[in-house]
């Protein structure tokens, strides 16, 4: 997978001659099918191959993820359930690690 810069993929977005954040643009376009334009796929590919930063996640990946979840819940409940289950699983894994670091969990429970 070739590396691409996440921020570099997002073109300058304007509304009424003013620059607008990516999140605002996506909110305006929500439900229009805009997220199926090729560059969104390129962006998601970059998200799994890039040196991720919290700024990239906050500014770009979170808004796009929100739109993917909204599309899934409107268009394909099975896809939505796969996504939601994956998020829930990740949450539980992170929670166990947090509890382990804090001393709230028995190591024998980590294999469950």
C-alpha atoms as a PDB file:
ATOM      1  CA  UNK A   1       0.000   0.000   0.000  1.00  0.00           C
ATOM      2  CA  UNK A   2       1.524   3.321  -1.002  1.00  0.00           C
ATOM      3  CA  UNK A   3       1.820   5.988   1.629  1.00  0.00           C
ATOM      4  CA  UNK A   4      -0.161   9.153   1.166  1.00  0.00           C
ATOM      5  CA  UNK A   5      -0.349  12.205   3.374  1.00  0.00           C
ATOM      6  CA  UNK A   6      -3.850  12.452   4.832  1.00  0.00           C
ATOM      7  CA  UNK A   7      -3.923  16.220   5.080  1.00  0.00           C
ATOM      8  CA  UNK A   8      -2.480  16.577   1.587  1.00  0.00           C
ATOM      9  CA  UNK A   9      -5.404  14.655   0.097  1.00  0.00           C
ATOM     10  CA  UNK A  10      -8.009  17.112   1.353  1.00  0.00           C
ATOM     11  CA  UNK A  11      -8.355  19.947  -1.080  1.00  0.00           C
ATOM     12  CA  UNK A  12      -9.080  23.483   0.060  1.00  0.00           C
ATOM     13  CA  UNK A  13     -12.807  23.660   0.724  1.00  0.00           C
ATOM     14  CA  UNK A  14     -14.781  26.865   0.390  1.00  0.00           C
ATOM     15  CA  UNK A  15     -18.352  27.980   0.844  1.00  0.00           C
ATOM     16  CA  UNK A  16     -19.458  31.409  -0.331  1.00  0.00           C
ATOM     17  CA  UNK A  17     -15.810  32.329  -0.878  1.00  0.00           C
ATOM     18  CA  UNK A  18     -14.725  31.401   2.652  1.00  0.00           C
ATOM     19  CA  UNK A  19     -12.516  28.472   3.613  1.00  0.00           C
ATOM     20  CA  UNK A  20     -14.420  25.917   5.633  1.00  0.00           C
ATOM     21  CA  UNK A  21     -13.219  22.983   7.748  1.00  0.00           C
ATOM     22  CA  UNK A  22     -13.534  19.476   6.290  1.00  0.00           C
ATOM     23  CA  UNK A  23     -16.062  18.606   9.025  1.00  0.00           C
ATOM     24  CA  UNK A  24     -18.349  21.506   8.073  1.00  0.00           C
ATOM     25  CA  UNK A  25     -18.139  20.484   4.419  1.00  0.00           C
ATOM     26  CA  UNK A  26     -19.129  16.907   5.214  1.00  0.00           C
ATOM     27  CA  UNK A  27     -22.036  18.035   7.389  1.00  0.00           C
ATOM     28  CA  UNK A  28     -23.332  20.159   4.498  1.00  0.00           C
ATOM     29  CA  UNK A  29     -22.986  17.212   2.103  1.00  0.00           C
ATOM     30  CA  UNK A  30     -24.336  14.527   4.467  1.00  0.00           C
ATOM     31  CA  UNK A  31     -26.624  12.051   2.723  1.00  0.00           C
ATOM     32  CA  UNK A  32     -25.811  13.360  -0.762  1.00  0.00           C
ATOM     33  CA  UNK A  33     -23.512  10.502  -1.760  1.00  0.00           C
ATOM     34  CA  UNK A  34     -20.541  12.886  -1.832  1.00  0.00           C
ATOM     35  CA  UNK A  35     -18.497  10.497   0.321  1.00  0.00           C
ATOM     36  CA  UNK A  36     -18.399   8.023  -2.575  1.00  0.00           C
ATOM     37  CA  UNK A  37     -16.189  10.304  -4.647  1.00  0.00           C
ATOM     38  CA  UNK A  38     -12.816   8.659  -5.265  1.00  0.00           C
ATOM     39  CA  UNK A  39     -10.734  10.941  -3.054  1.00  0.00           C
ATOM     40  CA  UNK A  40     -12.597   9.844   0.082  1.00  0.00           C
ATOM     41  CA  UNK A  41     -11.504   6.269  -0.598  1.00  0.00           C
ATOM     42  CA  UNK A  42      -7.957   7.517  -1.120  1.00  0.00           C
ATOM     43  CA  UNK A  43      -8.204   9.303   2.199  1.00  0.00           C
ATOM     44  CA  UNK A  44      -9.371   6.194   4.040  1.00  0.00           C
ATOM     45  CA  UNK A  45      -6.539   4.227   2.441  1.00  0.00           C
ATOM     46  CA  UNK A  46      -4.095   6.856   3.707  1.00  0.00           C
ATOM     47  CA  UNK A  47      -5.620   6.592   7.179  1.00  0.00           C
ATOM     48  CA  UNK A  48      -4.574   2.957   7.442  1.00  0.00           C
ATOM     49  CA  UNK A  49      -1.100   3.513   6.009  1.00  0.00           C
ATOM     50  CA  UNK A  50      -0.092   6.974   7.225  1.00  0.00           C
ATOM     51  CA  UNK A  51       1.820   7.980  10.313  1.00  0.00           C
ATOM     52  CA  UNK A  52      -1.377   8.919  12.087  1.00  0.00           C
ATOM     53  CA  UNK A  53      -1.592  12.016  14.258  1.00  0.00           C
ATOM     54  CA  UNK A  54      -4.336  13.116  16.593  1.00  0.00           C
ATOM     55  CA  UNK A  55      -4.837  16.183  14.385  1.00  0.00           C
ATOM     56  CA  UNK A  56      -5.438  13.962  11.341  1.00  0.00           C
ATOM     57  CA  UNK A  57      -7.898  11.872  13.298  1.00  0.00           C
ATOM     58  CA  UNK A  58      -9.756  14.848  14.725  1.00  0.00           C
ATOM     59  CA  UNK A  59      -9.799  17.025  11.619  1.00  0.00           C
ATOM     60  CA  UNK A  60     -10.345  14.413   8.910  1.00  0.00           C
ATOM     61  CA  UNK A  61     -10.882  10.808   9.947  1.00  0.00           C
ATOM     62  CA  UNK A  62     -13.565  11.402  12.603  1.00  0.00           C
ATOM     63  CA  UNK A  63     -15.816  13.459  10.311  1.00  0.00           C
ATOM     64  CA  UNK A  64     -15.468  10.914   7.509  1.00  0.00           C
ATOM     65  CA  UNK A  65     -16.065   8.007   9.892  1.00  0.00           C
ATOM     66  CA  UNK A  66     -19.231   9.701  11.144  1.00  0.00           C
ATOM     67  CA  UNK A  67     -20.501   9.961   7.574  1.00  0.00           C
ATOM     68  CA  UNK A  68     -19.672   6.313   6.838  1.00  0.00           C
ATOM     69  CA  UNK A  69     -21.572   5.242   9.965  1.00  0.00           C
ATOM     70  CA  UNK A  70     -24.552   7.420   9.027  1.00  0.00           C
ATOM     71  CA  UNK A  71     -24.583   6.023   5.474  1.00  0.00           C
ATOM     72  CA  UNK A  72     -24.363   2.484   6.811  1.00  0.00           C
ATOM     73  CA  UNK A  73     -27.240   2.902   9.251  1.00  0.00           C
ATOM     74  CA  UNK A  74     -29.397   4.429   6.465  1.00  0.00           C
ATOM     75  CA  UNK A  75     -28.399   2.076   3.671  1.00  0.00           C
ATOM     76  CA  UNK A  76     -27.230  -1.260   5.061  1.00  0.00           C
ATOM     77  CA  UNK A  77     -27.912  -2.304   8.657  1.00  0.00           C
ATOM     78  CA  UNK A  78     -25.619  -5.333   8.302  1.00  0.00           C
ATOM     79  CA  UNK A  79     -22.667  -3.116   7.400  1.00  0.00           C
ATOM     80  CA  UNK A  80     -23.587  -0.791  10.252  1.00  0.00           C
ATOM     81  CA  UNK A  81     -23.655  -3.719  12.700  1.00  0.00           C
ATOM     82  CA  UNK A  82     -20.208  -4.861  11.507  1.00  0.00           C
ATOM     83  CA  UNK A  83     -18.824  -1.379  12.093  1.00  0.00           C
ATOM     84  CA  UNK A  84     -20.521  -0.928  15.463  1.00  0.00           C
ATOM     85  CA  UNK A  85     -19.364  -4.379  16.609  1.00  0.00           C
ATOM     86  CA  UNK A  86     -15.790  -3.578  15.591  1.00  0.00           C
ATOM     87  CA  UNK A  87     -15.903  -0.288  17.515  1.00  0.00           C
ATOM     88  CA  UNK A  88     -17.350  -2.040  20.558  1.00  0.00           C
ATOM     89  CA  UNK A  89     -14.636  -4.706  20.386  1.00  0.00           C
ATOM     90  CA  UNK A  90     -11.886  -2.066  20.152  1.00  0.00           C
ATOM     91  CA  UNK A  91     -13.437  -0.209  23.086  1.00  0.00           C
ATOM     92  CA  UNK A  92     -13.439  -3.363  25.221  1.00  0.00           C
ATOM     93  CA  UNK A  93      -9.804  -4.143  24.349  1.00  0.00           C
ATOM     94  CA  UNK A  94      -8.726  -0.623  25.258  1.00  0.00           C
ATOM     95  CA  UNK A  95     -10.779  -0.736  28.446  1.00  0.00           C
ATOM     96  CA  UNK A  96      -9.040  -3.951  29.534  1.00  0.00           C
ATOM     97  CA  UNK A  97      -5.623  -2.390  28.889  1.00  0.00           C
ATOM     98  CA  UNK A  98      -6.614   0.689  30.853  1.00  0.00           C
ATOM     99  CA  UNK A  99      -7.868  -1.402  33.750  1.00  0.00           C
ATOM    100  CA  UNK A 100      -4.689  -3.502  33.683  1.00  0.00           C
ATOM    101  CA  UNK A 101      -2.492  -0.388  33.854  1.00  0.00           C
ATOM    102  CA  UNK A 102      -4.562   0.911  36.738  1.00  0.00           C
ATOM    103  CA  UNK A 103      -4.404  -2.434  38.557  1.00  0.00           C
ATOM    104  CA  UNK A 104      -8.144  -3.062  38.323  1.00  0.00           C
ATOM    105  CA  UNK A 105      -7.994  -6.342  36.439  1.00  0.00           C
ATOM    106  CA  UNK A 106      -6.643  -9.818  37.064  1.00  0.00           C
ATOM    107  CA  UNK A 107      -4.161 -10.890  34.344  1.00  0.00           C
ATOM    108  CA  UNK A 108      -5.960 -14.221  33.976  1.00  0.00           C
ATOM    109  CA  UNK A 109      -8.995 -12.341  32.622  1.00  0.00           C
ATOM    110  CA  UNK A 110      -6.986 -10.893  29.705  1.00  0.00           C
ATOM    111  CA  UNK A 111      -7.383 -14.110  27.675  1.00  0.00           C
ATOM    112  CA  UNK A 112     -11.189 -13.856  27.705  1.00  0.00           C
END
